[in-house]
Amino acid sequence: MSTVSVVPSDKLIIVDGEAIVFDAPFVAPENMHALQWNGTSGHIEWEDDYNWILGPEAYEEEVAPYVAIWQAEKARREKAAAEAEAALALPTAKAARRAEILSGYDAALAASLTMPAASPTAQDVGIAAALFAVEDAEGLAYVQSVHAARRDELLASIDSAESVDAVRAVSVAYDV
């Protein structure tokens, strides 16, 4: 069994050394100053009476309800923290994936214009685009539109994603 301390006037429950101060009072007997439980026995301190000694048989009735209140509040707070963390993580994941999509678009366009060059420079891409435009303006427009359509499709997928996992599931790939 856990060690438990309860101080209703402070809205405090401590279980195994982990304290939770509640935003609102929790249900406790009137005039109870504190409850102390060492794992096998304990006592209740009263403001207007002698302390009550608690033996192991008193755990379920006197101590367990406070442990349950503490567990429920701890779970609620952990869930809220996880949701807050996820809410912060989603915009970060989306921004990173958007940057990857835009970089992929640039790389796909450069590769389409400069094949078979393995590592084209900006100058290579510029020259290739100019030559392509002179030789086959419609072909250049088509290549640009194909890559732009894929880019826009990927960006729309990211924009509609509602979780970090959904963002990660978007595969950033372009046909070259």
C-alpha atoms as a PDB file:
ATOM      1  CA  MET A   1       0.000   0.000   0.000  1.00  0.00           C
ATOM      2  CA  SER A   2       1.040   3.566  -0.615  1.00  0.00           C
ATOM      3  CA  THR A   3       2.080   6.186   1.892  1.00  0.00           C
ATOM      4  CA  VAL A   4      -0.574   8.889   1.982  1.00  0.00           C
ATOM      5  CA  SER A   5      -0.940  12.333   3.548  1.00  0.00           C
ATOM      6  CA  VAL A   6      -4.121  14.363   3.236  1.00  0.00           C
ATOM      7  CA  VAL A   7      -4.599  17.964   4.382  1.00  0.00           C
ATOM      8  CA  PRO A   8      -8.091  19.103   3.300  1.00  0.00           C
ATOM      9  CA  SER A   9      -7.650  22.749   4.344  1.00  0.00           C
ATOM     10  CA  ASP A  10      -4.620  22.984   2.025  1.00  0.00           C
ATOM     11  CA  LYS A  11      -6.428  21.023  -0.728  1.00  0.00           C
ATOM     12  CA  LEU A  12      -3.420  18.683  -0.620  1.00  0.00           C
ATOM     13  CA  ILE A  13      -3.048  14.940  -1.133  1.00  0.00           C
ATOM     14  CA  ILE A  14       0.381  13.310  -1.197  1.00  0.00           C
ATOM     15  CA  VAL A  15       0.739   9.707  -2.394  1.00  0.00           C
ATOM     16  CA  ASP A  16       4.161   8.066  -2.206  1.00  0.00           C
ATOM     17  CA  GLY A  17       5.823  11.459  -1.930  1.00  0.00           C
ATOM     18  CA  GLU A  18       4.089  12.971  -4.973  1.00  0.00           C
ATOM     19  CA  ALA A  19       1.973  15.947  -3.952  1.00  0.00           C
ATOM     20  CA  ILE A  20      -1.040  17.304  -5.755  1.00  0.00           C
ATOM     21  CA  VAL A  21      -2.573  20.577  -4.664  1.00  0.00           C
ATOM     22  CA  PHE A  22      -6.131  20.645  -5.960  1.00  0.00           C
ATOM     23  CA  ASP A  23      -7.737  23.711  -7.507  1.00  0.00           C
ATOM     24  CA  ALA A  24     -10.903  23.138  -5.492  1.00  0.00           C
ATOM     25  CA  PRO A  25     -11.587  21.456  -2.173  1.00  0.00           C
ATOM     26  CA  PHE A  26     -12.271  17.726  -2.232  1.00  0.00           C
ATOM     27  CA  VAL A  27     -14.749  15.884  -0.052  1.00  0.00           C
ATOM     28  CA  ALA A  28     -13.427  15.226   3.453  1.00  0.00           C
ATOM     29  CA  PRO A  29     -15.076  14.945   6.852  1.00  0.00           C
ATOM     30  CA  GLU A  30     -15.731  18.248   8.563  1.00  0.00           C
ATOM     31  CA  ASN A  31     -13.023  19.215  11.081  1.00  0.00           C
ATOM     32  CA  MET A  32     -10.504  16.715   9.715  1.00  0.00           C
ATOM     33  CA  HIS A  33      -7.121  18.392   9.939  1.00  0.00           C
ATOM     34  CA  ALA A  34      -5.043  15.642   8.313  1.00  0.00           C
ATOM     35  CA  LEU A  35      -4.778  11.969   7.506  1.00  0.00           C
ATOM     36  CA  GLN A  36      -1.429  10.203   7.666  1.00  0.00           C
ATOM     37  CA  TRP A  37      -0.901   6.655   6.354  1.00  0.00           C
ATOM     38  CA  ASN A  38       2.501   4.934   6.350  1.00  0.00           C
ATOM     39  CA  GLY A  39       1.551   2.036   4.071  1.00  0.00           C
ATOM     40  CA  THR A  40       0.239  -0.292   6.782  1.00  0.00           C
ATOM     41  CA  SER A  41      -1.274   1.964   9.437  1.00  0.00           C
ATOM     42  CA  GLY A  42      -1.854   5.599  10.246  1.00  0.00           C
ATOM     43  CA  HIS A  43      -4.056   8.120  11.961  1.00  0.00           C
ATOM     44  CA  ILE A  44      -6.538  10.917  11.343  1.00  0.00           C
ATOM     45  CA  GLU A  45      -5.918  14.225  13.078  1.00  0.00           C
ATOM     46  CA  TRP A  46      -9.049  16.127  14.058  1.00  0.00           C
ATOM     47  CA  GLU A  47      -9.370  19.815  14.845  1.00  0.00           C
ATOM     48  CA  ASP A  48     -11.932  19.158  17.577  1.00  0.00           C
ATOM     49  CA  ASP A  49     -11.197  15.602  18.758  1.00  0.00           C
ATOM     50  CA  TYR A  50      -8.422  13.181  19.612  1.00  0.00           C
ATOM     51  CA  ASN A  51      -6.476  11.530  16.799  1.00  0.00           C
ATOM     52  CA  TRP A  52      -7.949   8.289  15.501  1.00  0.00           C
ATOM     53  CA  ILE A  53      -5.536   5.438  15.057  1.00  0.00           C
ATOM     54  CA  LEU A  54      -6.035   3.549  11.782  1.00  0.00           C
ATOM     55  CA  GLY A  55      -5.131  -0.098  11.409  1.00  0.00           C
ATOM     56  CA  PRO A  56      -4.791  -2.040   8.146  1.00  0.00           C
ATOM     57  CA  GLU A  57      -8.533  -2.779   8.128  1.00  0.00           C
ATOM     58  CA  ALA A  58      -9.284   0.960   7.855  1.00  0.00           C
ATOM     59  CA  TYR A  59      -7.441   1.429   4.545  1.00  0.00           C
ATOM     60  CA  GLU A  60     -10.360   0.737   2.178  1.00  0.00           C
ATOM     61  CA  GLU A  61     -12.776   3.031   3.982  1.00  0.00           C
ATOM     62  CA  GLU A  62     -10.545   5.821   5.276  1.00  0.00           C
ATOM     63  CA  VAL A  63      -7.503   6.013   2.943  1.00  0.00           C
ATOM     64  CA  ALA A  64      -8.376   4.462  -0.439  1.00  0.00           C
ATOM     65  CA  PRO A  65     -10.929   7.162  -1.361  1.00  0.00           C
ATOM     66  CA  TYR A  66      -8.197   9.826  -1.183  1.00  0.00           C
ATOM     67  CA  VAL A  67      -5.823   7.683  -3.219  1.00  0.00           C
ATOM     68  CA  ALA A  68      -8.577   7.335  -5.850  1.00  0.00           C
ATOM     69  CA  ILE A  69      -9.125  11.123  -5.890  1.00  0.00           C
ATOM     70  CA  TRP A  70      -5.363  11.646  -6.250  1.00  0.00           C
ATOM     71  CA  GLN A  71      -5.069   9.044  -9.051  1.00  0.00           C
ATOM     72  CA  ALA A  72      -7.955  10.579 -10.996  1.00  0.00           C
ATOM     73  CA  GLU A  73      -6.475  14.078 -10.727  1.00  0.00           C
ATOM     74  CA  LYS A  74      -3.000  12.838 -11.663  1.00  0.00           C
ATOM     75  CA  ALA A  75      -4.412  11.069 -14.749  1.00  0.00           C
ATOM     76  CA  ARG A  76      -6.388  14.197 -15.698  1.00  0.00           C
ATOM     77  CA  ARG A  77      -3.292  16.386 -15.407  1.00  0.00           C
ATOM     78  CA  GLU A  78      -1.099  13.934 -17.349  1.00  0.00           C
ATOM     79  CA  LYS A  79      -3.678  13.775 -20.132  1.00  0.00           C
ATOM     80  CA  ALA A  80      -3.917  17.573 -20.280  1.00  0.00           C
ATOM     81  CA  ALA A  81      -0.110  17.861 -20.384  1.00  0.00           C
ATOM     82  CA  ALA A  82       0.110  15.275 -23.170  1.00  0.00           C
ATOM     83  CA  GLU A  83      -2.582  17.091 -25.160  1.00  0.00           C
ATOM     84  CA  ALA A  84      -0.790  20.414 -24.674  1.00  0.00           C
ATOM     85  CA  GLU A  85       2.496  18.865 -25.774  1.00  0.00           C
ATOM     86  CA  ALA A  86       0.837  17.303 -28.804  1.00  0.00           C
ATOM     87  CA  ALA A  87      -0.772  20.624 -29.678  1.00  0.00           C
ATOM     88  CA  LEU A  88       2.655  22.264 -29.645  1.00  0.00           C
ATOM     89  CA  ALA A  89       4.281  19.393 -31.540  1.00  0.00           C
ATOM     90  CA  LEU A  90       1.796  19.436 -34.432  1.00  0.00           C
ATOM     91  CA  PRO A  91       2.664  22.926 -35.738  1.00  0.00           C
ATOM     92  CA  THR A  92       6.381  22.120 -35.442  1.00  0.00           C
ATOM     93  CA  ALA A  93       5.965  18.842 -37.341  1.00  0.00           C
ATOM     94  CA  LYS A  94       3.888  20.571 -40.019  1.00  0.00           C
ATOM     95  CA  ALA A  95       6.475  23.338 -40.471  1.00  0.00           C
ATOM     96  CA  ALA A  96       9.308  20.816 -40.817  1.00  0.00           C
ATOM     97  CA  ARG A  97       7.392  18.706 -43.329  1.00  0.00           C
ATOM     98  CA  ARG A  98       6.396  21.826 -45.343  1.00  0.00           C
ATOM     99  CA  ALA A  99      10.076  22.764 -45.594  1.00  0.00           C
ATOM    100  CA  GLU A 100      10.865  19.215 -46.750  1.00  0.00           C
ATOM    101  CA  ILE A 101       8.112  19.398 -49.392  1.00  0.00           C
ATOM    102  CA  LEU A 102       9.359  22.731 -50.742  1.00  0.00           C
ATOM    103  CA  SER A 103      12.940  21.515 -50.798  1.00  0.00           C
ATOM    104  CA  GLY A 104      11.809  18.356 -52.561  1.00  0.00           C
ATOM    105  CA  TYR A 105       9.988  20.425 -55.154  1.00  0.00           C
ATOM    106  CA  ASP A 106      13.140  22.440 -55.864  1.00  0.00           C
ATOM    107  CA  ALA A 107      15.224  19.263 -56.099  1.00  0.00           C
ATOM    108  CA  ALA A 108      12.706  17.535 -58.398  1.00  0.00           C
ATOM    109  CA  LEU A 109      12.516  20.526 -60.706  1.00  0.00           C
ATOM    110  CA  ALA A 110      16.305  20.837 -60.790  1.00  0.00           C
ATOM    111  CA  ALA A 111      16.691  17.123 -61.502  1.00  0.00           C
ATOM    112  CA  SER A 112      14.104  17.249 -64.282  1.00  0.00           C
ATOM    113  CA  LEU A 113      15.904  20.144 -65.941  1.00  0.00           C
ATOM    114  CA  THR A 114      19.488  18.937 -65.572  1.00  0.00           C
ATOM    115  CA  MET A 115      19.391  15.162 -65.990  1.00  0.00           C
ATOM    116  CA  PRO A 116      21.716  13.291 -65.923  1.00  0.00           C
ATOM    117  CA  ALA A 117      23.801  15.645 -63.686  1.00  0.00           C
ATOM    118  CA  ALA A 118      24.180  14.167 -60.204  1.00  0.00           C
ATOM    119  CA  SER A 119      24.696  17.444 -58.310  1.00  0.00           C
ATOM    120  CA  PRO A 120      23.533  20.379 -60.407  1.00  0.00           C
ATOM    121  CA  THR A 121      24.471  23.872 -59.298  1.00  0.00           C
ATOM    122  CA  ALA A 122      22.097  26.824 -59.341  1.00  0.00           C
ATOM    123  CA  GLN A 123      23.864  27.966 -62.491  1.00  0.00           C
ATOM    124  CA  ASP A 124      23.264  24.552 -64.130  1.00  0.00           C
ATOM    125  CA  VAL A 125      19.568  24.767 -63.320  1.00  0.00           C
ATOM    126  CA  GLY A 126      19.299  28.323 -64.652  1.00  0.00           C
ATOM    127  CA  ILE A 127      21.006  27.459 -67.912  1.00  0.00           C
ATOM    128  CA  ALA A 128      18.964  24.273 -68.336  1.00  0.00           C
ATOM    129  CA  ALA A 129      15.704  26.119 -67.691  1.00  0.00           C
ATOM    130  CA  ALA A 130      16.612  28.787 -70.245  1.00  0.00           C
ATOM    131  CA  LEU A 131      17.565  26.196 -72.863  1.00  0.00           C
ATOM    132  CA  PHE A 132      14.443  24.150 -72.145  1.00  0.00           C
ATOM    133  CA  ALA A 133      12.284  27.271 -72.482  1.00  0.00           C
ATOM    134  CA  VAL A 134      13.863  28.096 -75.837  1.00  0.00           C
ATOM    135  CA  GLU A 135      13.632  24.553 -77.187  1.00  0.00           C
ATOM    136  CA  ASP A 136      10.304  23.436 -75.703  1.00  0.00           C
ATOM    137  CA  ALA A 137       8.396  26.098 -73.780  1.00  0.00           C
ATOM    138  CA  GLU A 138       5.317  23.877 -73.476  1.00  0.00           C
ATOM    139  CA  GLY A 139       7.463  21.026 -72.166  1.00  0.00           C
ATOM    140  CA  LEU A 140       8.997  23.294 -69.506  1.00  0.00           C
ATOM    141  CA  ALA A 141       5.560  24.503 -68.451  1.00  0.00           C
ATOM    142  CA  TYR A 142       4.358  20.895 -68.275  1.00  0.00           C
ATOM    143  CA  VAL A 143       7.308  19.755 -66.091  1.00  0.00           C
ATOM    144  CA  GLN A 144       6.797  22.733 -63.788  1.00  0.00           C
ATOM    145  CA  SER A 145       3.048  22.092 -63.528  1.00  0.00           C
ATOM    146  CA  VAL A 146       3.516  18.377 -62.760  1.00  0.00           C
ATOM    147  CA  HIS A 147       5.938  19.120 -59.904  1.00  0.00           C
ATOM    148  CA  ALA A 148       3.845  22.064 -58.670  1.00  0.00           C
ATOM    149  CA  ALA A 149       0.717  19.897 -58.597  1.00  0.00           C
ATOM    150  CA  ARG A 150       2.534  17.267 -56.523  1.00  0.00           C
ATOM    151  CA  ARG A 151       3.896  19.969 -54.203  1.00  0.00           C
ATOM    152  CA  ASP A 152       0.420  21.420 -53.717  1.00  0.00           C
ATOM    153  CA  GLU A 153      -1.044  17.952 -53.087  1.00  0.00           C
ATOM    154  CA  LEU A 154       1.576  17.269 -50.410  1.00  0.00           C
ATOM    155  CA  LEU A 155       1.071  20.683 -48.786  1.00  0.00           C
ATOM    156  CA  ALA A 156      -2.695  20.107 -48.679  1.00  0.00           C
ATOM    157  CA  SER A 157      -2.100  16.753 -46.983  1.00  0.00           C
ATOM    158  CA  ILE A 158       0.020  18.462 -44.349  1.00  0.00           C
ATOM    159  CA  ASP A 159      -2.525  21.233 -43.831  1.00  0.00           C
ATOM    160  CA  SER A 160      -5.309  18.703 -43.236  1.00  0.00           C
ATOM    161  CA  ALA A 161      -3.267  16.474 -40.905  1.00  0.00           C
ATOM    162  CA  GLU A 162      -4.649  16.448 -37.374  1.00  0.00           C
ATOM    163  CA  SER A 163      -1.804  14.650 -35.597  1.00  0.00           C
ATOM    164  CA  VAL A 164       1.962  14.390 -35.672  1.00  0.00           C
ATOM    165  CA  ASP A 165       1.625  10.777 -36.834  1.00  0.00           C
ATOM    166  CA  ALA A 166      -0.551  11.895 -39.762  1.00  0.00           C
ATOM    167  CA  VAL A 167       2.093  14.467 -40.724  1.00  0.00           C
ATOM    168  CA  ARG A 168       4.807  11.806 -40.551  1.00  0.00           C
ATOM    169  CA  ALA A 169       2.721   9.481 -42.727  1.00  0.00           C
ATOM    170  CA  VAL A 170       2.848  11.913 -45.668  1.00  0.00           C
ATOM    171  CA  SER A 171       5.489  10.554 -48.030  1.00  0.00           C
ATOM    172  CA  VAL A 172       7.438  13.378 -49.662  1.00  0.00           C
ATOM    173  CA  ALA A 173       8.338  12.062 -53.119  1.00  0.00           C
ATOM    174  CA  TYR A 174       8.292  13.507 -56.604  1.00  0.00           C
ATOM    175  CA  ASP A 175       8.404  11.719 -59.964  1.00  0.00           C
ATOM    176  CA  VAL A 176      11.538  12.705 -61.821  1.00  0.00           C
END
